[in-house]
């Protein structure tokens, strides 16, 4: 719902707060920038927001961008925890 300014399609089902609309603006800005430039970084849709830099995935970084209860780069998990998850996924067979 937060992507591409789509909250308005659900106002009959949910009561949204000002923070919901802020989150929608940030998410939509990242998506629109990626669609236009293949890079989520850039100008926010509204001049009222500054987007946190979203570093490219290099396959080694343990950092992701948190969007929701705050905005910014955050550590995804300790390296050994990520390794366990990656090993688990590697053992899965497609159906």
C-alpha atoms as a PDB file:
ATOM      1  CA  UNK A   1       0.000   0.000   0.000  1.00  0.00           C
ATOM      2  CA  UNK A   2       2.853   2.394   0.719  1.00  0.00           C
ATOM      3  CA  UNK A   3       4.439   2.074  -2.701  1.00  0.00           C
ATOM      4  CA  UNK A   4       3.543   4.398  -5.562  1.00  0.00           C
ATOM      5  CA  UNK A   5       1.224   6.578  -3.464  1.00  0.00           C
ATOM      6  CA  UNK A   6      -1.466   3.915  -3.149  1.00  0.00           C
ATOM      7  CA  UNK A   7      -2.784   4.559   0.375  1.00  0.00           C
ATOM      8  CA  UNK A   8      -5.760   6.407  -1.058  1.00  0.00           C
ATOM      9  CA  UNK A   9      -7.045   3.116  -2.484  1.00  0.00           C
ATOM     10  CA  UNK A  10      -7.534   1.739   1.040  1.00  0.00           C
ATOM     11  CA  UNK A  11      -8.932   4.662   3.012  1.00  0.00           C
ATOM     12  CA  UNK A  12     -12.272   2.872   3.247  1.00  0.00           C
ATOM     13  CA  UNK A  13     -10.612  -0.020   5.117  1.00  0.00           C
ATOM     14  CA  UNK A  14      -7.900   1.668   7.210  1.00  0.00           C
ATOM     15  CA  UNK A  15      -7.392   4.865   9.136  1.00  0.00           C
ATOM     16  CA  UNK A  16      -4.014   6.262   8.148  1.00  0.00           C
ATOM     17  CA  UNK A  17      -1.924   8.621  10.260  1.00  0.00           C
ATOM     18  CA  UNK A  18       0.297  11.477   9.158  1.00  0.00           C
ATOM     19  CA  UNK A  19       3.235   9.110   9.626  1.00  0.00           C
ATOM     20  CA  UNK A  20       1.658   6.626   7.203  1.00  0.00           C
ATOM     21  CA  UNK A  21       1.535   9.346   4.565  1.00  0.00           C
ATOM     22  CA  UNK A  22       5.156  10.300   5.326  1.00  0.00           C
ATOM     23  CA  UNK A  23       6.201   6.661   4.945  1.00  0.00           C
ATOM     24  CA  UNK A  24       4.243   6.426   1.692  1.00  0.00           C
ATOM     25  CA  UNK A  25       6.071   9.498   0.364  1.00  0.00           C
ATOM     26  CA  UNK A  26       9.505   8.089   1.223  1.00  0.00           C
ATOM     27  CA  UNK A  27       8.779   4.612  -0.179  1.00  0.00           C
ATOM     28  CA  UNK A  28       7.264   6.022  -3.360  1.00  0.00           C
ATOM     29  CA  UNK A  29      10.263   8.304  -3.845  1.00  0.00           C
ATOM     30  CA  UNK A  30      12.723   5.407  -3.617  1.00  0.00           C
ATOM     31  CA  UNK A  31      10.655   3.342  -6.073  1.00  0.00           C
ATOM     32  CA  UNK A  32      10.145   6.214  -8.517  1.00  0.00           C
ATOM     33  CA  UNK A  33      13.860   7.050  -8.480  1.00  0.00           C
ATOM     34  CA  UNK A  34      14.750   3.412  -9.112  1.00  0.00           C
ATOM     35  CA  UNK A  35      12.265   3.157 -11.976  1.00  0.00           C
ATOM     36  CA  UNK A  36      13.492   6.379 -13.585  1.00  0.00           C
ATOM     37  CA  UNK A  37      17.241   6.083 -12.955  1.00  0.00           C
ATOM     38  CA  UNK A  38      17.909   2.473 -11.812  1.00  0.00           C
ATOM     39  CA  UNK A  39      19.040   4.089  -8.576  1.00  0.00           C
ATOM     40  CA  UNK A  40      16.780   4.625  -5.541  1.00  0.00           C
ATOM     41  CA  UNK A  41      18.792   7.647  -4.423  1.00  0.00           C
ATOM     42  CA  UNK A  42      17.879  11.085  -5.611  1.00  0.00           C
ATOM     43  CA  UNK A  43      15.212  13.655  -5.067  1.00  0.00           C
ATOM     44  CA  UNK A  44      12.157  12.919  -2.969  1.00  0.00           C
ATOM     45  CA  UNK A  45       8.765  13.394  -4.594  1.00  0.00           C
ATOM     46  CA  UNK A  46       8.051  16.143  -2.065  1.00  0.00           C
ATOM     47  CA  UNK A  47      10.581  18.825  -1.174  1.00  0.00           C
ATOM     48  CA  UNK A  48       9.600  18.245   2.469  1.00  0.00           C
ATOM     49  CA  UNK A  49      11.669  15.036   2.622  1.00  0.00           C
ATOM     50  CA  UNK A  50      15.340  14.172   2.269  1.00  0.00           C
ATOM     51  CA  UNK A  51      15.990  10.568   1.330  1.00  0.00           C
ATOM     52  CA  UNK A  52      18.560   8.581   3.278  1.00  0.00           C
ATOM     53  CA  UNK A  53      21.329   7.285   0.995  1.00  0.00           C
ATOM     54  CA  UNK A  54      20.649   3.698  -0.076  1.00  0.00           C
ATOM     55  CA  UNK A  55      23.981   1.988  -0.736  1.00  0.00           C
ATOM     56  CA  UNK A  56      24.130  -0.502  -3.624  1.00  0.00           C
ATOM     57  CA  UNK A  57      24.167  -4.197  -2.777  1.00  0.00           C
ATOM     58  CA  UNK A  58      27.686  -5.477  -3.291  1.00  0.00           C
ATOM     59  CA  UNK A  59      27.077  -9.022  -2.078  1.00  0.00           C
ATOM     60  CA  UNK A  60      29.276  -8.464   0.966  1.00  0.00           C
ATOM     61  CA  UNK A  61      27.650  -5.642   2.877  1.00  0.00           C
ATOM     62  CA  UNK A  62      25.592  -6.493   5.926  1.00  0.00           C
ATOM     63  CA  UNK A  63      23.722  -3.180   5.700  1.00  0.00           C
ATOM     64  CA  UNK A  64      20.179  -2.530   4.538  1.00  0.00           C
ATOM     65  CA  UNK A  65      17.979   0.546   4.551  1.00  0.00           C
ATOM     66  CA  UNK A  66      15.302   0.531   7.220  1.00  0.00           C
ATOM     67  CA  UNK A  67      12.051   2.200   6.194  1.00  0.00           C
ATOM     68  CA  UNK A  68       9.165   2.179   8.627  1.00  0.00           C
ATOM     69  CA  UNK A  69       9.693   2.914  12.299  1.00  0.00           C
ATOM     70  CA  UNK A  70      12.668   5.026  11.245  1.00  0.00           C
ATOM     71  CA  UNK A  71      14.742   5.702   8.186  1.00  0.00           C
ATOM     72  CA  UNK A  72      18.391   4.936   7.619  1.00  0.00           C
ATOM     73  CA  UNK A  73      21.078   2.368   7.126  1.00  0.00           C
ATOM     74  CA  UNK A  74      21.044  -0.440   9.645  1.00  0.00           C
ATOM     75  CA  UNK A  75      22.907  -3.687  10.106  1.00  0.00           C
ATOM     76  CA  UNK A  76      20.857  -6.607   8.810  1.00  0.00           C
ATOM     77  CA  UNK A  77      22.283  -9.121  11.296  1.00  0.00           C
ATOM     78  CA  UNK A  78      25.537 -10.502  12.568  1.00  0.00           C
ATOM     79  CA  UNK A  79      27.558 -12.186   9.814  1.00  0.00           C
ATOM     80  CA  UNK A  80      27.195 -15.674  11.317  1.00  0.00           C
ATOM     81  CA  UNK A  81      23.388 -15.287  11.426  1.00  0.00           C
ATOM     82  CA  UNK A  82      23.269 -14.241   7.777  1.00  0.00           C
ATOM     83  CA  UNK A  83      25.496 -17.205   6.891  1.00  0.00           C
ATOM     84  CA  UNK A  84      23.090 -19.638   8.580  1.00  0.00           C
ATOM     85  CA  UNK A  85      20.143 -18.195   6.642  1.00  0.00           C
ATOM     86  CA  UNK A  86      22.027 -18.237   3.327  1.00  0.00           C
ATOM     87  CA  UNK A  87      23.078 -21.863   3.890  1.00  0.00           C
ATOM     88  CA  UNK A  88      19.477 -22.803   4.670  1.00  0.00           C
ATOM     89  CA  UNK A  89      18.208 -21.174   1.459  1.00  0.00           C
ATOM     90  CA  UNK A  90      20.969 -22.843  -0.553  1.00  0.00           C
ATOM     91  CA  UNK A  91      19.676 -26.258   0.545  1.00  0.00           C
ATOM     92  CA  UNK A  92      16.126 -25.581  -0.651  1.00  0.00           C
ATOM     93  CA  UNK A  93      15.012 -27.162  -3.884  1.00  0.00           C
ATOM     94  CA  UNK A  94      12.605 -25.377  -6.212  1.00  0.00           C
ATOM     95  CA  UNK A  95       9.199 -26.939  -6.734  1.00  0.00           C
END
